[in-house]
Amino acid sequence: MQTEALLTNAPAAASMRPPSRPSLSVSIRRVPTVLLVVYTLLLGLGLGLGSAYWAVNGDPPFGSLRLGPWKAWPKLGAPEADPYMRAIIAQRSDVPLATGEGLGFTASMDNDGRPLDSACSYTLGPVAPIARVWTLTLYDQAGRLPATTLGRKSFTSAEVLRDTQDRFSIALSREAQPGNWLQLPSGGPFTIALRLYDPPGAGAANLEKSDFPVIQRLECGT
């Protein structure tokens, strides 16, 4: 009897089993080693060229000195300049001041951190770092000297008009201003270059933020 019961329940037990799934065959395609090598070389070449283009078309990534809106690279003209600095100098066809000659600073924003815009008017002063001679020059967004009505694109420390306390104020605007005036480009951003010739001390060791002209924005037009 027990044997018959087991035989009777066998089909029911079999029907309760989950249906068997067909086995899935997975095929793996191997990428040839040559293609992997070529892809790696092309990726490395693209990253290298891209990073090099970015590096030489901007400011040097290392060795900068910032004092307010003014920034400089004291080793730009030194024999120990890094490869990035040398590549930028060669790309720009620029001749920086040597270590014993002086130091060049640039400003692309005012003292409040706002980008310099030719649609606005500015005053610059009243002091400059001590140096045998300094020059202050404007450049447009392409790094060229702007065309001006009076033909003046810069001031030297010997030319700028001063008050009885040896302080000065230079007006930067597109419209003519009394006194010391530099005409801004017709439009777009601009930069200011301040070059110090034969400053005292070694490089920028003795310079502080308070030694530099304040760039103050007055008003902006259209």
N, C-alpha and C. Protein backbone atom coordinates (compact mmCIF):
# COMPACT_ATOMS: atom_id res chain seq x y z
N MET A 1 0.81 -1.20 0.00
CA MET A 1 0.00 0.00 0.00
C MET A 1 0.85 1.26 0.00
N GLN A 2 1.85 1.23 0.75
CA GLN A 2 2.73 2.39 0.77
C GLN A 2 3.39 2.59 -0.57
N THR A 3 3.70 1.46 -1.20
CA THR A 3 4.34 1.57 -2.53
C THR A 3 3.39 2.15 -3.52
N GLU A 4 2.12 1.77 -3.49
CA GLU A 4 1.15 2.33 -4.40
C GLU A 4 0.94 3.81 -4.14
N ALA A 5 0.95 4.23 -2.88
CA ALA A 5 0.77 5.65 -2.55
C ALA A 5 1.91 6.47 -3.09
N LEU A 6 3.12 5.94 -3.01
CA LEU A 6 4.27 6.68 -3.53
C LEU A 6 4.18 6.81 -5.02
N LEU A 7 3.75 5.74 -5.68
CA LEU A 7 3.62 5.80 -7.13
C LEU A 7 2.51 6.71 -7.56
N THR A 8 1.45 6.76 -6.76
CA THR A 8 0.33 7.63 -7.10
C THR A 8 0.72 9.08 -6.98
N ASN A 9 1.52 9.46 -5.99
CA ASN A 9 1.91 10.86 -5.76
C ASN A 9 3.09 11.30 -6.62
N ALA A 10 3.73 10.41 -7.29
CA ALA A 10 4.90 10.77 -8.09
C ALA A 10 4.59 11.77 -9.18
N PRO A 11 3.51 11.62 -9.98
CA PRO A 11 3.21 12.65 -11.01
C PRO A 11 2.92 14.01 -10.41
N ALA A 12 2.26 14.04 -9.24
CA ALA A 12 1.95 15.33 -8.62
C ALA A 12 3.21 16.03 -8.18
N ALA A 13 4.15 15.27 -7.62
CA ALA A 13 5.39 15.88 -7.18
C ALA A 13 6.18 16.39 -8.36
N ALA A 14 6.09 15.63 -9.44
CA ALA A 14 6.83 16.07 -10.63
C ALA A 14 6.25 17.34 -11.20
N SER A 15 4.90 17.50 -11.10
CA SER A 15 4.28 18.71 -11.63
C SER A 15 4.59 19.94 -10.82
N MET A 16 5.02 19.78 -9.55
CA MET A 16 5.33 20.92 -8.71
C MET A 16 6.74 21.45 -8.94
N ARG A 17 7.56 20.72 -9.65
CA ARG A 17 8.90 21.19 -9.90
C ARG A 17 8.88 22.35 -10.90
N PRO A 18 9.72 23.37 -10.68
CA PRO A 18 9.76 24.48 -11.66
C PRO A 18 10.27 23.99 -12.99
N PRO A 19 9.74 24.55 -14.05
CA PRO A 19 10.19 24.13 -15.39
C PRO A 19 11.66 24.46 -15.57
N SER A 20 12.34 23.56 -16.15
CA SER A 20 13.77 23.76 -16.39
C SER A 20 13.98 24.79 -17.49
N ARG A 21 14.95 25.71 -17.26
CA ARG A 21 15.25 26.75 -18.24
C ARG A 21 16.35 26.30 -19.18
N PRO A 22 16.21 26.70 -20.40
CA PRO A 22 17.28 26.31 -21.33
C PRO A 22 18.58 27.03 -21.00
N SER A 23 19.66 26.38 -21.10
CA SER A 23 20.97 26.97 -20.79
C SER A 23 21.32 28.06 -21.80
N LEU A 24 21.82 29.21 -21.27
CA LEU A 24 22.20 30.33 -22.10
C LEU A 24 23.69 30.24 -22.41
N SER A 25 24.01 30.38 -23.62
CA SER A 25 25.42 30.35 -24.03
C SER A 25 25.93 31.78 -24.15
N VAL A 26 27.00 32.12 -23.48
CA VAL A 26 27.60 33.45 -23.49
C VAL A 26 28.87 33.40 -24.32
N SER A 27 28.89 34.28 -25.29
CA SER A 27 30.07 34.33 -26.15
C SER A 27 30.84 35.61 -25.85
N ILE A 28 32.12 35.52 -25.65
CA ILE A 28 33.00 36.64 -25.34
C ILE A 28 33.88 36.92 -26.54
N ARG A 29 33.79 38.18 -27.03
CA ARG A 29 34.61 38.57 -28.17
C ARG A 29 35.85 39.28 -27.63
N ARG A 30 36.97 38.81 -27.95
CA ARG A 30 38.22 39.40 -27.50
C ARG A 30 38.67 40.49 -28.47
N VAL A 31 39.00 41.67 -27.87
CA VAL A 31 39.51 42.76 -28.69
C VAL A 31 40.98 42.50 -28.98
N PRO A 32 41.38 42.60 -30.21
CA PRO A 32 42.79 42.36 -30.53
C PRO A 32 43.71 43.29 -29.75
N THR A 33 44.82 42.78 -29.34
CA THR A 33 45.79 43.56 -28.56
C THR A 33 46.28 44.78 -29.33
N VAL A 34 46.40 44.64 -30.63
CA VAL A 34 46.88 45.77 -31.44
C VAL A 34 45.92 46.95 -31.34
N LEU A 35 44.60 46.69 -31.37
CA LEU A 35 43.63 47.77 -31.26
C LEU A 35 43.70 48.45 -29.89
N LEU A 36 43.91 47.66 -28.83
CA LEU A 36 44.04 48.26 -27.51
C LEU A 36 45.27 49.15 -27.41
N VAL A 37 46.36 48.71 -28.01
CA VAL A 37 47.58 49.52 -27.98
C VAL A 37 47.38 50.81 -28.76
N VAL A 38 46.77 50.73 -29.94
CA VAL A 38 46.54 51.92 -30.75
C VAL A 38 45.61 52.89 -30.03
N TYR A 39 44.55 52.36 -29.41
CA TYR A 39 43.61 53.22 -28.68
C TYR A 39 44.31 53.93 -27.52
N THR A 40 45.14 53.21 -26.78
CA THR A 40 45.86 53.81 -25.65
C THR A 40 46.80 54.91 -26.12
N LEU A 41 47.51 54.66 -27.24
CA LEU A 41 48.43 55.67 -27.76
C LEU A 41 47.69 56.91 -28.23
N LEU A 42 46.56 56.73 -28.92
CA LEU A 42 45.79 57.88 -29.40
C LEU A 42 45.20 58.67 -28.23
N LEU A 43 44.72 57.96 -27.20
CA LEU A 43 44.18 58.64 -26.02
C LEU A 43 45.26 59.45 -25.31
N GLY A 44 46.43 58.85 -25.14
CA GLY A 44 47.52 59.58 -24.49
C GLY A 44 47.98 60.76 -25.31
N LEU A 45 48.03 60.60 -26.65
CA LEU A 45 48.44 61.70 -27.51
C LEU A 45 47.44 62.85 -27.44
N GLY A 46 46.14 62.51 -27.46
CA GLY A 46 45.12 63.56 -27.38
C GLY A 46 45.16 64.32 -26.07
N LEU A 47 45.31 63.59 -24.96
CA LEU A 47 45.39 64.25 -23.65
C LEU A 47 46.65 65.10 -23.54
N GLY A 48 47.75 64.59 -24.07
CA GLY A 48 49.00 65.36 -24.00
C GLY A 48 48.95 66.64 -24.80
N LEU A 49 48.45 66.54 -26.04
CA LEU A 49 48.35 67.74 -26.87
C LEU A 49 47.35 68.73 -26.30
N GLY A 50 46.23 68.23 -25.78
CA GLY A 50 45.23 69.12 -25.20
C GLY A 50 45.74 69.86 -23.98
N SER A 51 46.42 69.15 -23.09
CA SER A 51 46.97 69.80 -21.90
C SER A 51 48.08 70.77 -22.26
N ALA A 52 48.89 70.44 -23.27
CA ALA A 52 49.96 71.36 -23.68
C ALA A 52 49.37 72.63 -24.29
N TYR A 53 48.32 72.49 -25.10
CA TYR A 53 47.68 73.68 -25.70
C TYR A 53 47.08 74.56 -24.62
N TRP A 54 46.44 73.93 -23.64
CA TRP A 54 45.84 74.71 -22.54
C TRP A 54 46.92 75.42 -21.75
N ALA A 55 48.05 74.76 -21.53
CA ALA A 55 49.11 75.34 -20.70
C ALA A 55 49.78 76.53 -21.36
N VAL A 56 50.08 76.44 -22.67
CA VAL A 56 50.84 77.51 -23.32
C VAL A 56 49.96 78.66 -23.77
N ASN A 57 48.64 78.49 -23.74
CA ASN A 57 47.75 79.57 -24.15
C ASN A 57 47.11 80.28 -22.96
N GLY A 58 47.61 80.03 -21.79
CA GLY A 58 47.13 80.72 -20.60
C GLY A 58 48.29 81.27 -19.81
N ASP A 59 48.04 81.53 -18.56
CA ASP A 59 49.11 81.99 -17.67
C ASP A 59 49.92 80.80 -17.18
N PRO A 60 51.19 81.01 -16.84
CA PRO A 60 51.99 79.92 -16.28
C PRO A 60 51.30 79.31 -15.07
N PRO A 61 51.22 77.99 -14.99
CA PRO A 61 50.47 77.37 -13.89
C PRO A 61 51.18 77.39 -12.55
N PHE A 62 52.47 77.69 -12.54
CA PHE A 62 53.23 77.63 -11.29
C PHE A 62 54.03 78.92 -11.10
N GLY A 63 54.37 79.20 -9.85
CA GLY A 63 55.28 80.29 -9.53
C GLY A 63 54.68 81.67 -9.58
N SER A 64 53.37 81.81 -9.41
CA SER A 64 52.74 83.12 -9.50
C SER A 64 52.81 83.86 -8.17
N LEU A 65 52.75 85.17 -8.26
CA LEU A 65 52.69 86.06 -7.10
C LEU A 65 51.51 87.00 -7.29
N ARG A 66 50.59 87.04 -6.32
CA ARG A 66 49.40 87.90 -6.43
C ARG A 66 49.37 88.87 -5.27
N LEU A 67 49.23 90.15 -5.61
CA LEU A 67 49.09 91.22 -4.63
C LEU A 67 47.88 92.06 -5.04
N GLY A 68 46.74 91.78 -4.41
CA GLY A 68 45.50 92.42 -4.84
C GLY A 68 45.14 91.93 -6.23
N PRO A 69 44.75 92.83 -7.14
CA PRO A 69 44.45 92.42 -8.51
C PRO A 69 45.69 92.21 -9.38
N TRP A 70 46.84 92.54 -8.86
CA TRP A 70 48.09 92.46 -9.63
C TRP A 70 48.76 91.11 -9.42
N LYS A 71 49.21 90.52 -10.52
CA LYS A 71 49.89 89.23 -10.43
C LYS A 71 51.13 89.23 -11.32
N ALA A 72 52.12 88.46 -10.90
CA ALA A 72 53.39 88.39 -11.62
C ALA A 72 53.97 87.00 -11.43
N TRP A 73 54.97 86.70 -12.26
CA TRP A 73 55.72 85.46 -12.17
C TRP A 73 57.19 85.85 -12.06
N PRO A 74 57.72 85.96 -10.83
CA PRO A 74 59.07 86.48 -10.63
C PRO A 74 60.15 85.72 -11.38
N LYS A 75 59.95 84.43 -11.64
CA LYS A 75 60.97 83.63 -12.31
C LYS A 75 60.77 83.52 -13.81
N LEU A 76 59.84 84.32 -14.35
CA LEU A 76 59.54 84.21 -15.77
C LEU A 76 60.76 84.50 -16.64
N GLY A 77 61.57 85.46 -16.23
CA GLY A 77 62.76 85.78 -17.01
C GLY A 77 64.04 85.24 -16.42
N ALA A 78 63.92 84.32 -15.46
CA ALA A 78 65.10 83.79 -14.79
C ALA A 78 65.59 82.53 -15.49
N PRO A 79 66.87 82.19 -15.35
CA PRO A 79 67.38 80.96 -15.97
C PRO A 79 66.69 79.71 -15.46
N GLU A 80 66.18 79.73 -14.20
CA GLU A 80 65.52 78.56 -13.65
C GLU A 80 64.02 78.51 -13.95
N ALA A 81 63.55 79.25 -14.95
CA ALA A 81 62.14 79.20 -15.34
C ALA A 81 61.77 77.78 -15.75
N ASP A 82 60.58 77.33 -15.33
CA ASP A 82 60.18 75.96 -15.64
C ASP A 82 59.79 75.82 -17.11
N PRO A 83 59.64 74.60 -17.62
CA PRO A 83 59.33 74.39 -19.05
C PRO A 83 58.03 75.06 -19.49
N TYR A 84 57.04 75.14 -18.61
CA TYR A 84 55.78 75.80 -18.98
C TYR A 84 56.03 77.28 -19.26
N MET A 85 56.79 77.95 -18.40
CA MET A 85 57.09 79.36 -18.61
C MET A 85 57.84 79.57 -19.91
N ARG A 86 58.81 78.72 -20.20
CA ARG A 86 59.59 78.88 -21.42
C ARG A 86 58.73 78.64 -22.65
N ALA A 87 57.81 77.67 -22.58
CA ALA A 87 56.93 77.42 -23.72
C ALA A 87 55.98 78.59 -23.97
N ILE A 88 55.48 79.19 -22.89
CA ILE A 88 54.58 80.34 -23.03
C ILE A 88 55.33 81.53 -23.63
N ILE A 89 56.55 81.77 -23.18
CA ILE A 89 57.35 82.87 -23.72
C ILE A 89 57.60 82.66 -25.21
N ALA A 90 57.93 81.42 -25.60
CA ALA A 90 58.19 81.13 -27.01
C ALA A 90 56.92 81.27 -27.84
N GLN A 91 55.78 80.84 -27.30
CA GLN A 91 54.52 80.91 -28.05
C GLN A 91 54.08 82.35 -28.24
N ARG A 92 54.31 83.20 -27.24
CA ARG A 92 53.90 84.60 -27.32
C ARG A 92 54.93 85.49 -28.00
N SER A 93 56.10 84.95 -28.26
CA SER A 93 57.22 85.75 -28.80
C SER A 93 57.48 86.95 -27.90
N ASP A 94 57.44 86.69 -26.60
CA ASP A 94 57.57 87.75 -25.61
C ASP A 94 58.99 87.76 -25.04
N VAL A 95 59.42 88.93 -24.59
CA VAL A 95 60.74 89.06 -23.96
C VAL A 95 60.50 89.60 -22.54
N PRO A 96 60.42 88.72 -21.54
CA PRO A 96 60.17 89.20 -20.18
C PRO A 96 61.39 89.88 -19.59
N LEU A 97 61.17 90.65 -18.55
CA LEU A 97 62.27 91.29 -17.85
C LEU A 97 63.10 90.24 -17.12
N ALA A 98 64.40 90.33 -17.25
CA ALA A 98 65.28 89.42 -16.53
C ALA A 98 65.24 89.73 -15.04
N THR A 99 65.74 88.78 -14.25
CA THR A 99 65.67 88.93 -12.80
C THR A 99 66.33 90.21 -12.31
N GLY A 100 67.45 90.58 -12.88
CA GLY A 100 68.14 91.78 -12.45
C GLY A 100 67.62 93.06 -13.05
N GLU A 101 66.72 92.96 -14.05
CA GLU A 101 66.20 94.16 -14.72
C GLU A 101 64.96 94.71 -14.06
N GLY A 102 64.06 93.86 -13.63
CA GLY A 102 62.83 94.34 -13.03
C GLY A 102 61.79 93.24 -12.97
N LEU A 103 60.54 93.65 -12.87
CA LEU A 103 59.45 92.71 -12.68
C LEU A 103 58.19 93.28 -13.33
N GLY A 104 57.46 92.43 -14.04
CA GLY A 104 56.24 92.86 -14.70
C GLY A 104 55.00 92.28 -14.03
N PHE A 105 54.00 93.14 -13.78
CA PHE A 105 52.72 92.74 -13.19
C PHE A 105 51.60 93.00 -14.20
N THR A 106 50.55 92.20 -14.13
CA THR A 106 49.36 92.43 -14.95
C THR A 106 48.13 92.37 -14.06
N ALA A 107 47.08 93.08 -14.49
CA ALA A 107 45.80 93.07 -13.78
C ALA A 107 44.69 92.93 -14.81
N SER A 108 43.79 92.01 -14.58
CA SER A 108 42.63 91.82 -15.45
C SER A 108 41.33 91.99 -14.68
N MET A 109 41.41 92.46 -13.43
CA MET A 109 40.22 92.74 -12.62
C MET A 109 40.50 93.93 -11.72
N ASP A 110 39.44 94.50 -11.18
CA ASP A 110 39.63 95.64 -10.28
C ASP A 110 39.85 95.13 -8.85
N ASN A 111 39.95 96.06 -7.91
CA ASN A 111 40.24 95.65 -6.53
C ASN A 111 39.08 94.95 -5.85
N ASP A 112 37.89 95.00 -6.45
CA ASP A 112 36.74 94.26 -5.93
C ASP A 112 36.57 92.91 -6.60
N GLY A 113 37.52 92.52 -7.44
CA GLY A 113 37.47 91.22 -8.09
C GLY A 113 36.60 91.14 -9.32
N ARG A 114 36.17 92.29 -9.88
CA ARG A 114 35.34 92.28 -11.08
C ARG A 114 36.22 92.42 -12.32
N PRO A 115 35.95 91.66 -13.38
CA PRO A 115 36.77 91.74 -14.58
C PRO A 115 36.76 93.15 -15.17
N LEU A 116 37.90 93.58 -15.68
CA LEU A 116 38.00 94.89 -16.31
C LEU A 116 37.24 94.88 -17.63
N ASP A 117 36.38 95.87 -17.81
CA ASP A 117 35.50 95.95 -18.98
C ASP A 117 35.62 97.34 -19.57
N SER A 118 35.80 97.41 -20.90
CA SER A 118 35.96 98.70 -21.57
C SER A 118 34.70 99.55 -21.52
N ALA A 119 33.56 98.94 -21.20
CA ALA A 119 32.32 99.71 -21.09
C ALA A 119 32.24 100.49 -19.79
N CYS A 120 33.19 100.28 -18.90
CA CYS A 120 33.19 100.96 -17.60
C CYS A 120 34.33 101.98 -17.53
N SER A 121 34.26 102.86 -16.55
CA SER A 121 35.31 103.84 -16.29
C SER A 121 35.99 103.50 -14.97
N TYR A 122 37.29 103.79 -14.88
CA TYR A 122 38.07 103.42 -13.70
C TYR A 122 39.02 104.55 -13.33
N THR A 123 39.44 104.53 -12.09
CA THR A 123 40.57 105.35 -11.64
C THR A 123 41.64 104.42 -11.10
N LEU A 124 42.89 104.81 -11.29
CA LEU A 124 44.02 103.99 -10.88
C LEU A 124 45.01 104.87 -10.12
N GLY A 125 45.38 104.48 -8.94
CA GLY A 125 46.31 105.26 -8.12
C GLY A 125 46.09 104.93 -6.65
N PRO A 126 46.63 105.70 -5.73
CA PRO A 126 47.44 106.91 -5.91
C PRO A 126 48.94 106.65 -5.81
N VAL A 127 49.35 105.37 -5.60
CA VAL A 127 50.77 105.07 -5.41
C VAL A 127 51.17 103.93 -6.34
N ALA A 128 52.48 103.77 -6.47
CA ALA A 128 53.05 102.66 -7.22
C ALA A 128 54.30 102.20 -6.48
N PRO A 129 54.70 100.94 -6.66
CA PRO A 129 55.91 100.46 -5.97
C PRO A 129 57.14 101.29 -6.32
N ILE A 130 58.06 101.38 -5.40
CA ILE A 130 59.29 102.12 -5.63
C ILE A 130 60.13 101.39 -6.66
N ALA A 131 60.55 102.12 -7.65
CA ALA A 131 61.41 101.58 -8.70
C ALA A 131 62.12 102.74 -9.38
N ARG A 132 63.21 102.44 -10.06
CA ARG A 132 63.90 103.51 -10.77
C ARG A 132 62.98 104.12 -11.81
N VAL A 133 62.26 103.28 -12.54
CA VAL A 133 61.25 103.71 -13.52
C VAL A 133 60.15 102.66 -13.52
N TRP A 134 58.91 103.11 -13.68
CA TRP A 134 57.83 102.17 -13.93
C TRP A 134 56.98 102.66 -15.09
N THR A 135 56.37 101.71 -15.79
CA THR A 135 55.48 102.03 -16.91
C THR A 135 54.15 101.34 -16.69
N LEU A 136 53.09 101.97 -17.17
CA LEU A 136 51.75 101.42 -17.07
C LEU A 136 51.13 101.44 -18.46
N THR A 137 50.73 100.27 -18.97
CA THR A 137 50.28 100.12 -20.36
C THR A 137 48.97 99.36 -20.41
N LEU A 138 48.11 99.73 -21.36
CA LEU A 138 46.85 99.03 -21.58
C LEU A 138 46.97 98.08 -22.76
N TYR A 139 46.25 96.95 -22.68
CA TYR A 139 46.18 95.99 -23.77
C TYR A 139 44.73 95.55 -23.93
N ASP A 140 44.31 95.31 -25.18
CA ASP A 140 42.94 94.84 -25.41
C ASP A 140 42.87 93.34 -25.16
N GLN A 141 41.71 92.75 -25.44
CA GLN A 141 41.49 91.34 -25.12
C GLN A 141 42.37 90.41 -25.95
N ALA A 142 42.89 90.89 -27.09
CA ALA A 142 43.78 90.09 -27.91
C ALA A 142 45.24 90.29 -27.55
N GLY A 143 45.51 91.10 -26.51
CA GLY A 143 46.88 91.35 -26.10
C GLY A 143 47.59 92.38 -26.95
N ARG A 144 46.82 93.21 -27.68
CA ARG A 144 47.42 94.25 -28.53
C ARG A 144 47.22 95.62 -27.90
N LEU A 145 48.07 96.55 -28.31
CA LEU A 145 47.90 97.93 -27.88
C LEU A 145 46.66 98.51 -28.55
N PRO A 146 45.74 99.11 -27.81
CA PRO A 146 44.51 99.62 -28.43
C PRO A 146 44.77 100.90 -29.22
N ALA A 147 43.95 101.10 -30.24
CA ALA A 147 44.00 102.36 -31.00
C ALA A 147 43.33 103.45 -30.18
N THR A 148 43.99 104.60 -30.04
CA THR A 148 43.47 105.67 -29.20
C THR A 148 43.43 106.99 -29.98
N THR A 149 42.60 107.91 -29.49
CA THR A 149 42.45 109.20 -30.16
C THR A 149 43.72 110.03 -30.07
N LEU A 150 44.34 110.06 -28.90
CA LEU A 150 45.54 110.85 -28.70
C LEU A 150 46.82 110.09 -29.05
N GLY A 151 46.69 108.81 -29.32
CA GLY A 151 47.88 108.02 -29.60
C GLY A 151 48.63 107.56 -28.37
N ARG A 152 48.16 107.94 -27.19
CA ARG A 152 48.82 107.53 -25.95
C ARG A 152 48.24 106.20 -25.50
N LYS A 153 49.14 105.25 -25.23
CA LYS A 153 48.72 103.93 -24.76
C LYS A 153 49.33 103.57 -23.42
N SER A 154 50.18 104.46 -22.88
CA SER A 154 50.83 104.14 -21.62
C SER A 154 51.31 105.42 -20.93
N PHE A 155 51.69 105.27 -19.68
CA PHE A 155 52.33 106.33 -18.91
C PHE A 155 53.61 105.77 -18.32
N THR A 156 54.58 106.64 -18.11
CA THR A 156 55.76 106.30 -17.33
C THR A 156 55.73 107.09 -16.03
N SER A 157 56.55 106.67 -15.09
CA SER A 157 56.58 107.36 -13.80
C SER A 157 57.06 108.79 -13.94
N ALA A 158 57.80 109.10 -15.00
CA ALA A 158 58.27 110.48 -15.20
C ALA A 158 57.22 111.35 -15.87
N GLU A 159 56.23 110.76 -16.52
CA GLU A 159 55.23 111.54 -17.26
C GLU A 159 53.98 111.84 -16.46
N VAL A 160 53.61 110.97 -15.55
CA VAL A 160 52.33 111.10 -14.86
C VAL A 160 52.33 112.35 -13.97
N LEU A 161 51.22 113.07 -13.99
CA LEU A 161 51.06 114.26 -13.16
C LEU A 161 50.74 113.86 -11.73
N ARG A 162 51.35 114.55 -10.75
CA ARG A 162 51.18 114.22 -9.35
C ARG A 162 50.75 115.47 -8.56
N ASP A 163 50.25 115.22 -7.35
CA ASP A 163 49.89 116.33 -6.48
C ASP A 163 51.08 116.66 -5.57
N THR A 164 50.83 117.54 -4.61
CA THR A 164 51.93 117.99 -3.74
C THR A 164 52.43 116.88 -2.82
N GLN A 165 51.65 115.83 -2.65
CA GLN A 165 52.06 114.70 -1.81
C GLN A 165 52.63 113.55 -2.65
N ASP A 166 52.93 113.83 -3.91
CA ASP A 166 53.52 112.86 -4.82
C ASP A 166 52.56 111.70 -5.13
N ARG A 167 51.28 112.00 -5.04
CA ARG A 167 50.27 110.99 -5.38
C ARG A 167 49.69 111.31 -6.74
N PHE A 168 49.17 110.28 -7.41
CA PHE A 168 48.64 110.47 -8.76
C PHE A 168 47.32 109.72 -8.90
N SER A 169 46.60 110.08 -9.95
CA SER A 169 45.36 109.39 -10.31
C SER A 169 45.28 109.34 -11.83
N ILE A 170 45.12 108.14 -12.36
CA ILE A 170 45.01 107.95 -13.81
C ILE A 170 43.59 107.52 -14.13
N ALA A 171 42.94 108.24 -15.03
CA ALA A 171 41.58 107.91 -15.45
C ALA A 171 41.64 106.94 -16.62
N LEU A 172 40.84 105.88 -16.56
CA LEU A 172 40.73 104.89 -17.62
C LEU A 172 39.29 104.90 -18.11
N SER A 173 39.07 105.35 -19.31
CA SER A 173 37.71 105.41 -19.86
C SER A 173 37.79 105.58 -21.36
N ARG A 174 36.67 105.38 -22.02
CA ARG A 174 36.63 105.59 -23.48
C ARG A 174 36.46 107.05 -23.83
N GLU A 175 35.91 107.85 -22.91
CA GLU A 175 35.73 109.27 -23.14
C GLU A 175 36.87 110.07 -22.52
N ALA A 176 37.21 111.19 -23.14
CA ALA A 176 38.34 112.00 -22.68
C ALA A 176 38.09 112.52 -21.26
N GLN A 177 39.16 112.52 -20.46
CA GLN A 177 39.10 112.97 -19.08
C GLN A 177 40.23 113.96 -18.82
N PRO A 178 40.06 114.92 -17.89
CA PRO A 178 41.15 115.85 -17.59
C PRO A 178 42.26 115.14 -16.83
N GLY A 179 43.46 115.70 -16.92
CA GLY A 179 44.59 115.15 -16.19
C GLY A 179 45.16 113.91 -16.87
N ASN A 180 45.59 112.96 -16.06
CA ASN A 180 46.15 111.71 -16.58
C ASN A 180 45.01 110.83 -17.11
N TRP A 181 45.02 110.57 -18.40
CA TRP A 181 43.94 109.79 -19.01
C TRP A 181 44.50 108.81 -20.01
N LEU A 182 44.04 107.55 -19.92
CA LEU A 182 44.32 106.52 -20.91
C LEU A 182 43.00 106.06 -21.49
N GLN A 183 42.91 106.08 -22.80
CA GLN A 183 41.67 105.70 -23.47
C GLN A 183 41.56 104.18 -23.56
N LEU A 184 40.41 103.66 -23.14
CA LEU A 184 40.18 102.22 -23.16
C LEU A 184 39.85 101.76 -24.57
N PRO A 185 40.00 100.45 -24.84
CA PRO A 185 39.60 99.93 -26.15
C PRO A 185 38.12 100.18 -26.42
N SER A 186 37.73 100.02 -27.66
CA SER A 186 36.34 100.31 -28.04
C SER A 186 35.35 99.35 -27.41
N GLY A 187 35.78 98.19 -27.03
CA GLY A 187 34.87 97.23 -26.42
C GLY A 187 35.61 96.01 -25.91
N GLY A 188 34.94 95.25 -25.04
CA GLY A 188 35.49 94.02 -24.54
C GLY A 188 36.37 94.19 -23.32
N PRO A 189 36.88 93.09 -22.79
CA PRO A 189 37.77 93.17 -21.64
C PRO A 189 39.14 93.72 -22.01
N PHE A 190 39.89 94.13 -21.01
CA PHE A 190 41.24 94.63 -21.24
C PHE A 190 42.10 94.29 -20.04
N THR A 191 43.40 94.45 -20.19
CA THR A 191 44.34 94.20 -19.10
C THR A 191 45.27 95.40 -18.95
N ILE A 192 45.83 95.53 -17.76
CA ILE A 192 46.78 96.59 -17.44
C ILE A 192 48.11 95.93 -17.09
N ALA A 193 49.18 96.43 -17.67
CA ALA A 193 50.52 95.92 -17.37
C ALA A 193 51.31 96.99 -16.64
N LEU A 194 51.86 96.63 -15.49
CA LEU A 194 52.70 97.52 -14.70
C LEU A 194 54.09 96.91 -14.63
N ARG A 195 55.07 97.59 -15.23
CA ARG A 195 56.43 97.07 -15.27
C ARG A 195 57.32 97.92 -14.38
N LEU A 196 58.00 97.26 -13.47
CA LEU A 196 58.91 97.92 -12.54
C LEU A 196 60.35 97.66 -12.98
N TYR A 197 61.08 98.73 -13.26
CA TYR A 197 62.47 98.60 -13.69
C TYR A 197 63.40 98.94 -12.53
N ASP A 198 64.26 97.98 -12.23
CA ASP A 198 65.27 98.15 -11.18
C ASP A 198 64.63 98.49 -9.84
N PRO A 199 63.68 97.66 -9.34
CA PRO A 199 63.12 97.91 -8.01
C PRO A 199 64.14 97.49 -6.94
N PRO A 200 64.04 98.06 -5.74
CA PRO A 200 64.97 97.66 -4.68
C PRO A 200 64.68 96.26 -4.18
N GLY A 201 65.67 95.59 -3.68
CA GLY A 201 65.48 94.25 -3.15
C GLY A 201 65.58 93.19 -4.22
N ALA A 202 65.50 91.95 -3.80
CA ALA A 202 65.59 90.82 -4.71
C ALA A 202 64.21 90.41 -5.17
N GLY A 203 63.95 90.60 -6.45
CA GLY A 203 62.66 90.21 -7.00
C GLY A 203 61.53 90.97 -6.36
N ALA A 204 60.55 90.22 -5.82
CA ALA A 204 59.38 90.84 -5.19
C ALA A 204 59.37 90.63 -3.69
N ALA A 205 60.57 90.44 -3.12
CA ALA A 205 60.64 90.10 -1.70
C ALA A 205 60.09 91.21 -0.81
N ASN A 206 60.25 92.47 -1.20
CA ASN A 206 59.85 93.58 -0.34
C ASN A 206 58.51 94.20 -0.73
N LEU A 207 57.82 93.64 -1.71
CA LEU A 207 56.58 94.24 -2.19
C LEU A 207 55.39 93.77 -1.37
N GLU A 208 54.44 94.71 -1.16
CA GLU A 208 53.21 94.41 -0.46
C GLU A 208 52.02 94.95 -1.25
N LYS A 209 50.83 94.49 -0.91
CA LYS A 209 49.62 94.91 -1.62
C LYS A 209 49.42 96.41 -1.55
N SER A 210 49.75 97.02 -0.41
CA SER A 210 49.55 98.47 -0.23
C SER A 210 50.48 99.30 -1.10
N ASP A 211 51.51 98.69 -1.68
CA ASP A 211 52.43 99.43 -2.55
C ASP A 211 51.87 99.64 -3.95
N PHE A 212 50.79 98.95 -4.31
CA PHE A 212 50.32 98.95 -5.68
C PHE A 212 49.13 99.87 -5.89
N PRO A 213 48.95 100.35 -7.13
CA PRO A 213 47.80 101.21 -7.40
C PRO A 213 46.49 100.47 -7.20
N VAL A 214 45.52 101.19 -6.66
CA VAL A 214 44.17 100.65 -6.50
C VAL A 214 43.39 100.89 -7.79
N ILE A 215 42.75 99.84 -8.31
CA ILE A 215 41.92 99.95 -9.52
C ILE A 215 40.47 99.99 -9.06
N GLN A 216 39.85 101.15 -9.18
CA GLN A 216 38.49 101.35 -8.69
C GLN A 216 37.55 101.62 -9.86
N ARG A 217 36.48 100.83 -9.94
CA ARG A 217 35.49 101.03 -10.98
C ARG A 217 34.51 102.13 -10.58
N LEU A 218 34.23 103.05 -11.50
CA LEU A 218 33.35 104.17 -11.22
C LEU A 218 31.94 103.93 -11.72
N GLU A 219 31.78 103.79 -13.02
CA GLU A 219 30.47 103.56 -13.61
C GLU A 219 30.62 102.80 -14.90
N CYS A 220 29.53 102.21 -15.35
CA CYS A 220 29.54 101.44 -16.58
C CYS A 220 28.45 101.92 -17.50
N GLY A 221 28.79 102.04 -18.79
CA GLY A 221 27.81 102.45 -19.78
C GLY A 221 27.36 101.25 -20.59
N THR A 222 27.07 101.48 -21.87
CA THR A 222 26.62 100.41 -22.75
C THR A 222 27.74 100.01 -23.68
